[in-house]
PDB file of N, CA and C in Angstrom:
ATOM      1  N   MET A   1       0.853  -1.158   0.000  1.00  0.00           N
ATOM      2  CA  MET A   1       0.000   0.000   0.000  1.00  0.00           C
ATOM      3  C   MET A   1       0.910   1.236   0.000  1.00  0.00           C
ATOM      4  N   LYS A   2       0.639   2.156  -0.902  1.00  0.00           N
ATOM      5  CA  LYS A   2       1.409   3.391  -0.972  1.00  0.00           C
ATOM      6  C   LYS A   2       0.530   4.529  -0.465  1.00  0.00           C
ATOM      7  N   HIS A   3       1.114   5.375   0.399  1.00  0.00           N
ATOM      8  CA  HIS A   3       0.371   6.499   0.965  1.00  0.00           C
ATOM      9  C   HIS A   3       1.299   7.706   1.041  1.00  0.00           C
ATOM     10  N   THR A   4       0.841   8.837   0.558  1.00  0.00           N
ATOM     11  CA  THR A   4       1.616  10.071   0.619  1.00  0.00           C
ATOM     12  C   THR A   4       1.061  10.943   1.730  1.00  0.00           C
ATOM     13  N   LEU A   5       1.958  11.445   2.558  1.00  0.00           N
ATOM     14  CA  LEU A   5       1.576  12.310   3.663  1.00  0.00           C
ATOM     15  C   LEU A   5       2.364  13.606   3.543  1.00  0.00           C
ATOM     16  N   THR A   6       1.668  14.715   3.498  1.00  0.00           N
ATOM     17  CA  THR A   6       2.314  16.022   3.416  1.00  0.00           C
ATOM     18  C   THR A   6       1.987  16.806   4.678  1.00  0.00           C
ATOM     19  N   LEU A   7       3.029  17.296   5.331  1.00  0.00           N
ATOM     20  CA  LEU A   7       2.858  18.096   6.536  1.00  0.00           C
ATOM     21  C   LEU A   7       3.382  19.499   6.278  1.00  0.00           C
ATOM     22  N   ASP A   8       2.648  20.496   6.722  1.00  0.00           N
ATOM     23  CA  ASP A   8       3.059  21.884   6.556  1.00  0.00           C
ATOM     24  C   ASP A   8       3.057  22.532   7.933  1.00  0.00           C
ATOM     25  N   TYR A   9       4.256  22.809   8.448  1.00  0.00           N
ATOM     26  CA  TYR A   9       4.392  23.379   9.784  1.00  0.00           C
ATOM     27  C   TYR A   9       4.883  24.812   9.715  1.00  0.00           C
ATOM     28  N   ASP A  10       4.406  25.608  10.636  1.00  0.00           N
ATOM     29  CA  ASP A  10       4.927  26.956  10.841  1.00  0.00           C
ATOM     30  C   ASP A  10       5.287  27.016  12.321  1.00  0.00           C
ATOM     31  N   LEU A  11       6.561  26.779  12.623  1.00  0.00           N
ATOM     32  CA  LEU A  11       7.005  26.712  14.009  1.00  0.00           C
ATOM     33  C   LEU A  11       7.505  28.073  14.470  1.00  0.00           C
ATOM     34  N   ALA A  12       6.975  28.548  15.562  1.00  0.00           N
ATOM     35  CA  ALA A  12       7.425  29.816  16.132  1.00  0.00           C
ATOM     36  C   ALA A  12       8.662  29.563  16.983  1.00  0.00           C
ATOM     37  N   ALA A  13       9.579  30.524  16.997  1.00  0.00           N
ATOM     38  CA  ALA A  13      10.822  30.379  17.752  1.00  0.00           C
ATOM     39  C   ALA A  13      10.586  30.474  19.256  1.00  0.00           C
ATOM     40  N   GLY A  14       9.510  31.126  19.676  1.00  0.00           N
ATOM     41  CA  GLY A  14       9.214  31.239  21.103  1.00  0.00           C
ATOM     42  C   GLY A  14      10.330  31.926  21.867  1.00  0.00           C
ATOM     43  N   TRP A  15      10.700  31.375  23.028  1.00  0.00           N
ATOM     44  CA  TRP A  15      11.724  32.008  23.866  1.00  0.00           C
ATOM     45  C   TRP A  15      13.108  31.979  23.208  1.00  0.00           C
ATOM     46  N   LEU A  16      13.275  31.128  22.180  1.00  0.00           N
ATOM     47  CA  LEU A  16      14.553  31.047  21.464  1.00  0.00           C
ATOM     48  C   LEU A  16      14.699  32.080  20.345  1.00  0.00           C
ATOM     49  N   ARG A  17      13.723  32.970  20.213  1.00  0.00           N
ATOM     50  CA  ARG A  17      13.740  33.945  19.119  1.00  0.00           C
ATOM     51  C   ARG A  17      15.077  34.691  19.009  1.00  0.00           C
ATOM     52  N   PRO A  18      15.659  35.233  20.085  1.00  0.00           N
ATOM     53  CA  PRO A  18      16.943  35.932  19.940  1.00  0.00           C
ATOM     54  C   PRO A  18      18.049  35.024  19.384  1.00  0.00           C
ATOM     55  N   PHE A  19      18.072  33.762  19.809  1.00  0.00           N
ATOM     56  CA  PHE A  19      19.065  32.807  19.333  1.00  0.00           C
ATOM     57  C   PHE A  19      18.874  32.541  17.838  1.00  0.00           C
ATOM     58  N   VAL A  20      17.638  32.254  17.426  1.00  0.00           N
ATOM     59  CA  VAL A  20      17.329  31.942  16.032  1.00  0.00           C
ATOM     60  C   VAL A  20      17.620  33.152  15.142  1.00  0.00           C
ATOM     61  N   GLU A  21      17.240  34.347  15.575  1.00  0.00           N
ATOM     62  CA  GLU A  21      17.534  35.553  14.805  1.00  0.00           C
ATOM     63  C   GLU A  21      19.041  35.767  14.688  1.00  0.00           C
ATOM     64  N   GLY A  22      19.778  35.484  15.757  1.00  0.00           N
ATOM     65  CA  GLY A  22      21.230  35.587  15.717  1.00  0.00           C
ATOM     66  C   GLY A  22      21.831  34.656  14.684  1.00  0.00           C
ATOM     67  N   LEU A  23      21.373  33.413  14.643  1.00  0.00           N
ATOM     68  CA  LEU A  23      21.882  32.472  13.648  1.00  0.00           C
ATOM     69  C   LEU A  23      21.647  32.993  12.237  1.00  0.00           C
ATOM     70  N   ALA A  24      20.457  33.545  11.975  1.00  0.00           N
ATOM     71  CA  ALA A  24      20.147  34.068  10.650  1.00  0.00           C
ATOM     72  C   ALA A  24      21.082  35.215  10.259  1.00  0.00           C
ATOM     73  N   GLU A  25      21.598  35.930  11.263  1.00  0.00           N
ATOM     74  CA  GLU A  25      22.511  37.058  11.025  1.00  0.00           C
ATOM     75  C   GLU A  25      23.976  36.622  11.046  1.00  0.00           C
ATOM     76  N   GLY A  26      24.240  35.365  11.366  1.00  0.00           N
ATOM     77  CA  GLY A  26      25.618  34.896  11.508  1.00  0.00           C
ATOM     78  C   GLY A  26      26.237  35.344  12.815  1.00  0.00           C
ATOM     79  N   VAL A  27      25.404  35.470  13.860  1.00  0.00           N
ATOM     80  CA  VAL A  27      25.842  35.917  15.182  1.00  0.00           C
ATOM     81  C   VAL A  27      25.626  34.783  16.185  1.00  0.00           C
ATOM     82  N   ALA A  28      26.625  34.550  17.029  1.00  0.00           N
ATOM     83  CA  ALA A  28      26.507  33.540  18.089  1.00  0.00           C
ATOM     84  C   ALA A  28      25.889  34.205  19.315  1.00  0.00           C
ATOM     85  N   ARG A  29      24.568  34.108  19.434  1.00  0.00           N
ATOM     86  CA  ARG A  29      23.838  34.708  20.559  1.00  0.00           C
ATOM     87  C   ARG A  29      23.593  33.632  21.605  1.00  0.00           C
ATOM     88  N   ALA A  30      24.105  33.858  22.800  1.00  0.00           N
ATOM     89  CA  ALA A  30      24.053  32.873  23.878  1.00  0.00           C
ATOM     90  C   ALA A  30      23.199  33.393  25.027  1.00  0.00           C
ATOM     91  N   ARG A  31      23.016  32.536  26.010  1.00  0.00           N
ATOM     92  CA  ARG A  31      22.241  32.906  27.184  1.00  0.00           C
ATOM     93  C   ARG A  31      23.113  32.791  28.426  1.00  0.00           C
ATOM     94  N   ARG A  32      23.161  33.879  29.196  1.00  0.00           N
ATOM     95  CA  ARG A  32      23.900  33.899  30.471  1.00  0.00           C
ATOM     96  C   ARG A  32      22.904  33.759  31.602  1.00  0.00           C
ATOM     97  N   CYS A  33      23.136  32.760  32.458  1.00  0.00           N
ATOM     98  CA  CYS A  33      22.257  32.511  33.596  1.00  0.00           C
ATOM     99  C   CYS A  33      22.346  33.685  34.574  1.00  0.00           C
ATOM    100  N   ASP A  34      21.196  34.201  34.979  1.00  0.00           N
ATOM    101  CA  ASP A  34      21.157  35.290  35.955  1.00  0.00           C
ATOM    102  C   ASP A  34      21.518  34.799  37.358  1.00  0.00           C
ATOM    103  N   GLY A  35      21.490  33.477  37.576  1.00  0.00           N
ATOM    104  CA  GLY A  35      21.805  32.927  38.888  1.00  0.00           C
ATOM    105  C   GLY A  35      23.290  32.701  39.093  1.00  0.00           C
ATOM    106  N   CYS A  36      23.920  31.951  38.162  1.00  0.00           N
ATOM    107  CA  CYS A  36      25.329  31.568  38.362  1.00  0.00           C
ATOM    108  C   CYS A  36      26.283  32.180  37.348  1.00  0.00           C
ATOM    109  N   GLY A  37      25.753  32.792  36.292  1.00  0.00           N
ATOM    110  CA  GLY A  37      26.602  33.424  35.293  1.00  0.00           C
ATOM    111  C   GLY A  37      27.087  32.496  34.193  1.00  0.00           C
ATOM    112  N   ARG A  38      26.688  31.228  34.233  1.00  0.00           N
ATOM    113  CA  ARG A  38      27.101  30.261  33.203  1.00  0.00           C
ATOM    114  C   ARG A  38      26.525  30.683  31.853  1.00  0.00           C
ATOM    115  N   VAL A  39      27.351  30.603  30.815  1.00  0.00           N
ATOM    116  CA  VAL A  39      26.942  30.997  29.463  1.00  0.00           C
ATOM    117  C   VAL A  39      26.735  29.740  28.625  1.00  0.00           C
ATOM    118  N   SER A  40      25.531  29.597  28.073  1.00  0.00           N
ATOM    119  CA  SER A  40      25.222  28.419  27.259  1.00  0.00           C
ATOM    120  C   SER A  40      24.954  28.811  25.815  1.00  0.00           C
ATOM    121  N   PHE A  41      25.659  28.140  24.925  1.00  0.00           N
ATOM    122  CA  PHE A  41      25.444  28.244  23.480  1.00  0.00           C
ATOM    123  C   PHE A  41      25.542  26.833  22.948  1.00  0.00           C
ATOM    124  N   VAL A  42      24.503  26.297  22.560  1.00  0.00           N
ATOM    125  CA  VAL A  42      23.112  26.629  22.331  1.00  0.00           C
ATOM    126  C   VAL A  42      22.440  26.909  23.687  1.00  0.00           C
ATOM    127  N   PRO A  43      21.539  27.904  23.720  1.00  0.00           N
ATOM    128  CA  PRO A  43      20.930  28.316  24.986  1.00  0.00           C
ATOM    129  C   PRO A  43      20.155  27.199  25.683  1.00  0.00           C
ATOM    130  N   LEU A  44      20.266  27.191  27.001  1.00  0.00           N
ATOM    131  CA  LEU A  44      19.481  26.279  27.829  1.00  0.00           C
ATOM    132  C   LEU A  44      18.307  27.040  28.431  1.00  0.00           C
ATOM    133  N   ARG A  45      17.132  26.456  28.424  1.00  0.00           N
ATOM    134  CA  ARG A  45      15.950  27.075  29.028  1.00  0.00           C
ATOM    135  C   ARG A  45      16.111  27.166  30.542  1.00  0.00           C
ATOM    136  N   VAL A  46      16.631  26.075  31.136  1.00  0.00           N
ATOM    137  CA  VAL A  46      16.908  26.031  32.572  1.00  0.00           C
ATOM    138  C   VAL A  46      18.377  25.674  32.727  1.00  0.00           C
ATOM    139  N   CYS A  47      19.109  26.499  33.438  1.00  0.00           N
ATOM    140  CA  CYS A  47      20.542  26.293  33.652  1.00  0.00           C
ATOM    141  C   CYS A  47      20.782  25.051  34.506  1.00  0.00           C
ATOM    142  N   ASP A  48      21.999  24.544  34.441  1.00  0.00           N
ATOM    143  CA  ASP A  48      22.372  23.401  35.283  1.00  0.00           C
ATOM    144  C   ASP A  48      22.216  23.708  36.767  1.00  0.00           C
ATOM    145  N   CYS A  49      22.278  25.004  37.133  1.00  0.00           N
ATOM    146  CA  CYS A  49      22.123  25.384  38.542  1.00  0.00           C
ATOM    147  C   CYS A  49      20.654  25.402  38.968  1.00  0.00           C
ATOM    148  N   GLY A  50      19.741  25.219  38.004  1.00  0.00           N
ATOM    149  CA  GLY A  50      18.316  25.163  38.312  1.00  0.00           C
ATOM    150  C   GLY A  50      17.559  26.455  38.060  1.00  0.00           C
ATOM    151  N   LYS A  51      18.256  27.530  37.724  1.00  0.00           N
ATOM    152  CA  LYS A  51      17.586  28.818  37.473  1.00  0.00           C
ATOM    153  C   LYS A  51      17.078  28.875  36.034  1.00  0.00           C
ATOM    154  N   ALA A  52      15.903  29.523  35.853  1.00  0.00           N
ATOM    155  CA  ALA A  52      15.309  29.630  34.527  1.00  0.00           C
ATOM    156  C   ALA A  52      15.406  31.035  33.943  1.00  0.00           C
ATOM    157  N   HIS A  53      16.001  31.963  34.660  1.00  0.00           N
ATOM    158  CA  HIS A  53      16.107  33.333  34.162  1.00  0.00           C
ATOM    159  C   HIS A  53      17.503  33.574  33.616  1.00  0.00           C
ATOM    160  N   GLY A  54      17.550  34.231  32.452  1.00  0.00           N
ATOM    161  CA  GLY A  54      18.831  34.505  31.828  1.00  0.00           C
ATOM    162  C   GLY A  54      18.771  35.742  30.962  1.00  0.00           C
ATOM    163  N   SER A  55      19.941  36.187  30.534  1.00  0.00           N
ATOM    164  CA  SER A  55      20.076  37.357  29.675  1.00  0.00           C
ATOM    165  C   SER A  55      20.755  36.930  28.387  1.00  0.00           C
ATOM    166  N   TRP A  56      20.365  37.556  27.275  1.00  0.00           N
ATOM    167  CA  TRP A  56      20.962  37.253  25.983  1.00  0.00           C
ATOM    168  C   TRP A  56      22.226  38.074  25.803  1.00  0.00           C
ATOM    169  N   ILE A  57      23.297  37.417  25.333  1.00  0.00           N
ATOM    170  CA  ILE A  57      24.552  38.104  25.044  1.00  0.00           C
ATOM    171  C   ILE A  57      25.082  37.616  23.698  1.00  0.00           C
ATOM    172  N   ASP A  58      25.811  38.468  23.007  1.00  0.00           N
ATOM    173  CA  ASP A  58      26.457  38.075  21.761  1.00  0.00           C
ATOM    174  C   ASP A  58      27.900  37.687  22.055  1.00  0.00           C
ATOM    175  N   LEU A  59      28.277  36.512  21.586  1.00  0.00           N
ATOM    176  CA  LEU A  59      29.642  36.024  21.736  1.00  0.00           C
ATOM    177  C   LEU A  59      30.477  36.523  20.559  1.00  0.00           C
ATOM    178  N   PRO A  60      31.810  36.443  20.661  1.00  0.00           N
ATOM    179  CA  PRO A  60      32.656  36.899  19.552  1.00  0.00           C
ATOM    180  C   PRO A  60      32.412  36.152  18.240  1.00  0.00           C
ATOM    181  N   GLY A  61      31.897  34.919  18.320  1.00  0.00           N
ATOM    182  CA  GLY A  61      31.570  34.177  17.101  1.00  0.00           C
ATOM    183  C   GLY A  61      32.649  33.203  16.661  1.00  0.00           C
ATOM    184  N   THR A  62      33.752  33.117  17.400  1.00  0.00           N
ATOM    185  CA  THR A  62      34.805  32.164  17.071  1.00  0.00           C
ATOM    186  C   THR A  62      34.646  30.913  17.926  1.00  0.00           C
ATOM    187  N   ALA A  63      35.114  29.790  17.381  1.00  0.00           N
ATOM    188  CA  ALA A  63      34.950  28.524  18.080  1.00  0.00           C
ATOM    189  C   ALA A  63      36.156  27.622  17.839  1.00  0.00           C
ATOM    190  N   THR A  64      36.378  26.725  18.792  1.00  0.00           N
ATOM    191  CA  THR A  64      37.434  25.721  18.703  1.00  0.00           C
ATOM    192  C   THR A  64      36.801  24.354  18.533  1.00  0.00           C
ATOM    193  N   VAL A  65      37.295  23.603  17.569  1.00  0.00           N
ATOM    194  CA  VAL A  65      36.784  22.258  17.289  1.00  0.00           C
ATOM    195  C   VAL A  65      37.536  21.263  18.164  1.00  0.00           C
ATOM    196  N   SER A  66      36.801  20.494  18.971  1.00  0.00           N
ATOM    197  CA  SER A  66      37.444  19.475  19.799  1.00  0.00           C
ATOM    198  C   SER A  66      37.323  18.078  19.193  1.00  0.00           C
ATOM    199  N   ARG A  67      36.279  17.823  18.449  1.00  0.00           N
ATOM    200  CA  ARG A  67      36.066  16.544  17.769  1.00  0.00           C
ATOM    201  C   ARG A  67      35.428  16.852  16.416  1.00  0.00           C
ATOM    202  N   ARG A  68      35.717  15.997  15.445  1.00  0.00           N
ATOM    203  CA  ARG A  68      35.081  16.186  14.142  1.00  0.00           C
ATOM    204  C   ARG A  68      34.800  14.852  13.481  1.00  0.00           C
ATOM    205  N   THR A  69      33.830  14.890  12.570  1.00  0.00           N
ATOM    206  CA  THR A  69      33.454  13.685  11.844  1.00  0.00           C
ATOM    207  C   THR A  69      33.013  14.083  10.446  1.00  0.00           C
ATOM    208  N   THR A  70      33.137  13.149   9.528  1.00  0.00           N
ATOM    209  CA  THR A  70      32.685  13.347   8.155  1.00  0.00           C
ATOM    210  C   THR A  70      31.647  12.287   7.861  1.00  0.00           C
ATOM    211  N   GLY A  71      30.512  12.729   7.339  1.00  0.00           N
ATOM    212  CA  GLY A  71      29.441  11.808   7.000  1.00  0.00           C
ATOM    213  C   GLY A  71      28.887  12.114   5.625  1.00  0.00           C
ATOM    214  N   ALA A  72      27.821  11.452   5.276  1.00  0.00           N
ATOM    215  CA  ALA A  72      27.198  11.646   3.972  1.00  0.00           C
ATOM    216  C   ALA A  72      26.715  13.082   3.779  1.00  0.00           C
ATOM    217  N   ASP A  73      26.399  13.776   4.884  1.00  0.00           N
ATOM    218  CA  ASP A  73      25.891  15.147   4.806  1.00  0.00           C
ATOM    219  C   ASP A  73      26.976  16.191   4.982  1.00  0.00           C
ATOM    220  N   GLY A  74      28.249  15.779   5.055  1.00  0.00           N
ATOM    221  CA  GLY A  74      29.328  16.747   5.190  1.00  0.00           C
ATOM    222  C   GLY A  74      30.111  16.572   6.475  1.00  0.00           C
ATOM    223  N   ASP A  75      30.872  17.619   6.816  1.00  0.00           N
ATOM    224  CA  ASP A  75      31.726  17.603   8.004  1.00  0.00           C
ATOM    225  C   ASP A  75      31.033  18.326   9.148  1.00  0.00           C
ATOM    226  N   PHE A  76      31.139  17.734  10.340  1.00  0.00           N
ATOM    227  CA  PHE A  76      30.551  18.316  11.542  1.00  0.00           C
ATOM    228  C   PHE A  76      31.566  18.223  12.668  1.00  0.00           C
ATOM    229  N   GLY A  77      31.448  19.121  13.634  1.00  0.00           N
ATOM    230  CA  GLY A  77      32.366  19.099  14.754  1.00  0.00           C
ATOM    231  C   GLY A  77      31.677  19.419  16.063  1.00  0.00           C
ATOM    232  N   LEU A  78      32.253  18.923  17.134  1.00  0.00           N
ATOM    233  CA  LEU A  78      31.867  19.313  18.481  1.00  0.00           C
ATOM    234  C   LEU A  78      32.734  20.518  18.805  1.00  0.00           C
ATOM    235  N   VAL A  79      32.104  21.662  19.050  1.00  0.00           N
ATOM    236  CA  VAL A  79      32.842  22.918  19.173  1.00  0.00           C
ATOM    237  C   VAL A  79      32.481  23.648  20.462  1.00  0.00           C
ATOM    238  N   THR A  80      33.407  24.493  20.898  1.00  0.00           N
ATOM    239  CA  THR A  80      33.166  25.392  22.024  1.00  0.00           C
ATOM    240  C   THR A  80      33.366  26.810  21.518  1.00  0.00           C
ATOM    241  N   PHE A  81      32.340  27.624  21.639  1.00  0.00           N
ATOM    242  CA  PHE A  81      32.433  29.025  21.227  1.00  0.00           C
ATOM    243  C   PHE A  81      33.142  29.839  22.302  1.00  0.00           C
ATOM    244  N   ALA A  82      33.986  30.763  21.877  1.00  0.00           N
ATOM    245  CA  ALA A  82      34.673  31.657  22.807  1.00  0.00           C
ATOM    246  C   ALA A  82      33.633  32.382  23.647  1.00  0.00           C
ATOM    247  N   GLY A  83      33.791  32.331  24.966  1.00  0.00           N
ATOM    248  CA  GLY A  83      32.864  32.979  25.883  1.00  0.00           C
ATOM    249  C   GLY A  83      31.758  32.074  26.386  1.00  0.00           C
ATOM    250  N   ALA A  84      31.648  30.858  25.839  1.00  0.00           N
ATOM    251  CA  ALA A  84      30.600  29.914  26.270  1.00  0.00           C
ATOM    252  C   ALA A  84      31.189  28.846  27.175  1.00  0.00           C
ATOM    253  N   ASP A  85      30.357  28.333  28.074  1.00  0.00           N
ATOM    254  CA  ASP A  85      30.751  27.265  28.986  1.00  0.00           C
ATOM    255  C   ASP A  85      30.290  25.894  28.511  1.00  0.00           C
ATOM    256  N   THR A  86      29.611  25.839  27.374  1.00  0.00           N
ATOM    257  CA  THR A  86      29.057  24.591  26.863  1.00  0.00           C
ATOM    258  C   THR A  86      29.613  24.288  25.481  1.00  0.00           C
ATOM    259  N   LYS A  87      29.387  23.074  25.017  1.00  0.00           N
ATOM    260  CA  LYS A  87      29.776  22.658  23.670  1.00  0.00           C
ATOM    261  C   LYS A  87      28.515  22.480  22.830  1.00  0.00           C
ATOM    262  N   THR A  88      28.682  22.545  21.513  1.00  0.00           N
ATOM    263  CA  THR A  88      27.575  22.299  20.607  1.00  0.00           C
ATOM    264  C   THR A  88      28.112  21.684  19.330  1.00  0.00           C
ATOM    265  N   VAL A  89      27.230  21.201  18.477  1.00  0.00           N
ATOM    266  CA  VAL A  89      27.606  20.635  17.188  1.00  0.00           C
ATOM    267  C   VAL A  89      27.411  21.701  16.116  1.00  0.00           C
ATOM    268  N   ALA A  90      28.394  21.798  15.204  1.00  0.00           N
ATOM    269  CA  ALA A  90      28.319  22.770  14.111  1.00  0.00           C
ATOM    270  C   ALA A  90      28.740  22.099  12.812  1.00  0.00           C
ATOM    271  N   ARG A  91      28.177  22.579  11.716  1.00  0.00           N
ATOM    272  CA  ARG A  91      28.639  22.159  10.390  1.00  0.00           C
ATOM    273  C   ARG A  91      29.963  22.857  10.134  1.00  0.00           C
ATOM    274  N   LEU A  92      30.949  22.107   9.624  1.00  0.00           N
ATOM    275  CA  LEU A  92      32.263  22.651   9.297  1.00  0.00           C
ATOM    276  C   LEU A  92      32.347  22.821   7.788  1.00  0.00           C
ATOM    277  N   ASP A  93      32.399  24.055   7.325  1.00  0.00           N
ATOM    278  CA  ASP A  93      32.373  24.368   5.901  1.00  0.00           C
ATOM    279  C   ASP A  93      33.758  24.836   5.455  1.00  0.00           C
ATOM    280  N   GLY A  94      34.425  24.025   4.639  1.00  0.00           N
ATOM    281  CA  GLY A  94      35.728  24.410   4.110  1.00  0.00           C
ATOM    282  C   GLY A  94      36.894  24.121   5.037  1.00  0.00           C
ATOM    283  N   PHE A  95      36.690  23.321   6.053  1.00  0.00           N
ATOM    284  CA  PHE A  95      37.760  22.988   6.992  1.00  0.00           C
ATOM    285  C   PHE A  95      38.698  21.954   6.374  1.00  0.00           C
ATOM    286  N   GLY A  96      40.001  22.191   6.499  1.00  0.00           N
ATOM    287  CA  GLY A  96      40.996  21.213   6.110  1.00  0.00           C
ATOM    288  C   GLY A  96      41.261  20.269   7.263  1.00  0.00           C
ATOM    289  N   PRO A  97      42.078  19.225   7.042  1.00  0.00           N
ATOM    290  CA  PRO A  97      42.341  18.240   8.084  1.00  0.00           C
ATOM    291  C   PRO A  97      42.928  18.823   9.360  1.00  0.00           C
ATOM    292  N   GLY A  98      43.746  19.861   9.276  1.00  0.00           N
ATOM    293  CA  GLY A  98      44.381  20.419  10.467  1.00  0.00           C
ATOM    294  C   GLY A  98      43.674  21.625  11.054  1.00  0.00           C
ATOM    295  N   ASP A  99      42.610  22.088  10.421  1.00  0.00           N
ATOM    296  CA  ASP A  99      41.905  23.279  10.920  1.00  0.00           C
ATOM    297  C   ASP A  99      41.166  22.968  12.216  1.00  0.00           C
ATOM    298  N   ARG A 100      41.362  23.802  13.234  1.00  0.00           N
ATOM    299  CA  ARG A 100      40.712  23.613  14.529  1.00  0.00           C
ATOM    300  C   ARG A 100      39.999  24.879  15.018  1.00  0.00           C
ATOM    301  N   GLN A 101      40.166  25.989  14.322  1.00  0.00           N
ATOM    302  CA  GLN A 101      39.534  27.251  14.712  1.00  0.00           C
ATOM    303  C   GLN A 101      38.621  27.710  13.582  1.00  0.00           C
ATOM    304  N   GLY A 102      37.461  28.238  13.948  1.00  0.00           N
ATOM    305  CA  GLY A 102      36.527  28.721  12.944  1.00  0.00           C
ATOM    306  C   GLY A 102      35.692  29.861  13.478  1.00  0.00           C
ATOM    307  N   ALA A 103      34.936  30.446  12.577  1.00  0.00           N
ATOM    308  CA  ALA A 103      34.035  31.546  12.933  1.00  0.00           C
ATOM    309  C   ALA A 103      32.662  31.254  12.347  1.00  0.00           C
ATOM    310  N   ILE A 104      31.632  31.641  13.083  1.00  0.00           N
ATOM    311  CA  ILE A 104      30.263  31.414  12.642  1.00  0.00           C
ATOM    312  C   ILE A 104      29.971  32.281  11.414  1.00  0.00           C
ATOM    313  N   VAL A 105      29.184  31.729  10.498  1.00  0.00           N
ATOM    314  CA  VAL A 105      28.770  32.459   9.304  1.00  0.00           C
ATOM    315  C   VAL A 105      27.263  32.371   9.146  1.00  0.00           C
ATOM    316  N   ARG A 106      26.726  33.273   8.377  1.00  0.00           N
ATOM    317  CA  ARG A 106      25.299  33.288   8.080  1.00  0.00           C
ATOM    318  C   ARG A 106      24.948  32.059   7.237  1.00  0.00           C
ATOM    319  N   PRO A 107      23.888  31.332   7.573  1.00  0.00           N
ATOM    320  CA  PRO A 107      23.518  30.158   6.776  1.00  0.00           C
ATOM    321  C   PRO A 107      23.056  30.575   5.380  1.00  0.00           C
ATOM    322  N   PRO A 108      23.288  29.716   4.369  1.00  0.00           N
ATOM    323  CA  PRO A 108      22.912  30.066   2.997  1.00  0.00           C
ATOM    324  C   PRO A 108      21.405  30.039   2.743  1.00  0.00           C
ATOM    325  N   SER A 109      20.637  29.398   3.628  1.00  0.00           N
ATOM    326  CA  SER A 109      19.184  29.336   3.440  1.00  0.00           C
ATOM    327  C   SER A 109      18.499  30.056   4.593  1.00  0.00           C
ATOM    328  N   ALA A 110      17.195  30.102   4.537  1.00  0.00           N
ATOM    329  CA  ALA A 110      16.423  30.767   5.587  1.00  0.00           C
ATOM    330  C   ALA A 110      16.351  29.915   6.859  1.00  0.00           C
ATOM    331  N   LEU A 111      16.763  28.658   6.777  1.00  0.00           N
ATOM    332  CA  LEU A 111      16.694  27.783   7.945  1.00  0.00           C
ATOM    333  C   LEU A 111      17.844  28.088   8.897  1.00  0.00           C
ATOM    334  N   PRO A 112      17.583  28.118  10.204  1.00  0.00           N
ATOM    335  CA  PRO A 112      18.665  28.374  11.155  1.00  0.00           C
ATOM    336  C   PRO A 112      19.660  27.212  11.168  1.00  0.00           C
ATOM    337  N   ALA A 113      20.940  27.552  11.204  1.00  0.00           N
ATOM    338  CA  ALA A 113      21.985  26.535  11.253  1.00  0.00           C
ATOM    339  C   ALA A 113      23.230  27.145  11.881  1.00  0.00           C
ATOM    340  N   ILE A 114      24.007  26.298  12.554  1.00  0.00           N
ATOM    341  CA  ILE A 114      25.284  26.716  13.113  1.00  0.00           C
ATOM    342  C   ILE A 114      26.361  26.225  12.152  1.00  0.00           C
ATOM    343  N   ILE A 115      26.941  27.164  11.410  1.00  0.00           N
ATOM    344  CA  ILE A 115      27.944  26.831  10.390  1.00  0.00           C
ATOM    345  C   ILE A 115      29.222  27.601  10.711  1.00  0.00           C
ATOM    346  N   LEU A 116      30.336  26.869  10.691  1.00  0.00           N
ATOM    347  CA  LEU A 116      31.649  27.489  10.907  1.00  0.00           C
ATOM    348  C   LEU A 116      32.470  27.406   9.640  1.00  0.00           C
ATOM    349  N   ARG A 117      33.221  28.469   9.369  1.00  0.00           N
ATOM    350  CA  ARG A 117      34.255  28.452   8.325  1.00  0.00           C
ATOM    351  C   ARG A 117      35.583  28.676   9.018  1.00  0.00           C
ATOM    352  N   PRO A 118      36.655  28.089   8.489  1.00  0.00           N
ATOM    353  CA  PRO A 118      37.948  28.251   9.157  1.00  0.00           C
ATOM    354  C   PRO A 118      38.388  29.705   9.188  1.00  0.00           C
ATOM    355  N   GLU A 119      39.075  30.057  10.277  1.00  0.00           N
ATOM    356  CA  GLU A 119      39.638  31.392  10.368  1.00  0.00           C
ATOM    357  C   GLU A 119      40.887  31.445   9.488  1.00  0.00           C
ATOM    358  N   PRO A 120      41.141  32.598   8.848  1.00  0.00           N
ATOM    359  CA  PRO A 120      42.338  32.706   8.010  1.00  0.00           C
ATOM    360  C   PRO A 120      43.599  32.455   8.836  1.00  0.00           C
ATOM    361  N   LYS A 121      44.550  31.768   8.215  1.00  0.00           N
ATOM    362  CA  LYS A 121      45.816  31.485   8.886  1.00  0.00           C
ATOM    363  C   LYS A 121      46.642  32.770   8.975  1.00  0.00           C
ATOM    364  N   VAL A 122      47.252  32.999  10.139  1.00  0.00           N
ATOM    365  CA  VAL A 122      48.106  34.175  10.349  1.00  0.00           C
ATOM    366  C   VAL A 122      49.548  33.750  10.080  1.00  0.00           C
ATOM    367  N   ALA A 123      50.221  34.489   9.198  1.00  0.00           N
ATOM    368  CA  ALA A 123      51.611  34.141   8.844  1.00  0.00           C
ATOM    369  C   ALA A 123      52.598  34.743   9.809  1.00  0.00           C
TER     370      ALA A 123
END
């Protein structure tokens, strides 16, 4: 039996709106816990300390790759953004085998994405 199912969703960003808008602009917008000061990127709704109140801050946008993998959909890495206390997964665009530093860039489509390009090498 063959059946076609089409779903059309319009998902609102809700409390993540500043984060999602930041991604669209190529900005690493994080959340700083008002209780303990921990900075999370990707933002946490409730901090590890148990507090749910936080302030939005913009990070410098640079990140260090600690782990990386290559799959059918491209290269991805476990990264830590400068100024953040957490790690996240990012698409690695144009990274060579030895590249470990990158900067966030604006995604090519309207969909939010965390994409890093390598930082230029300093001679």
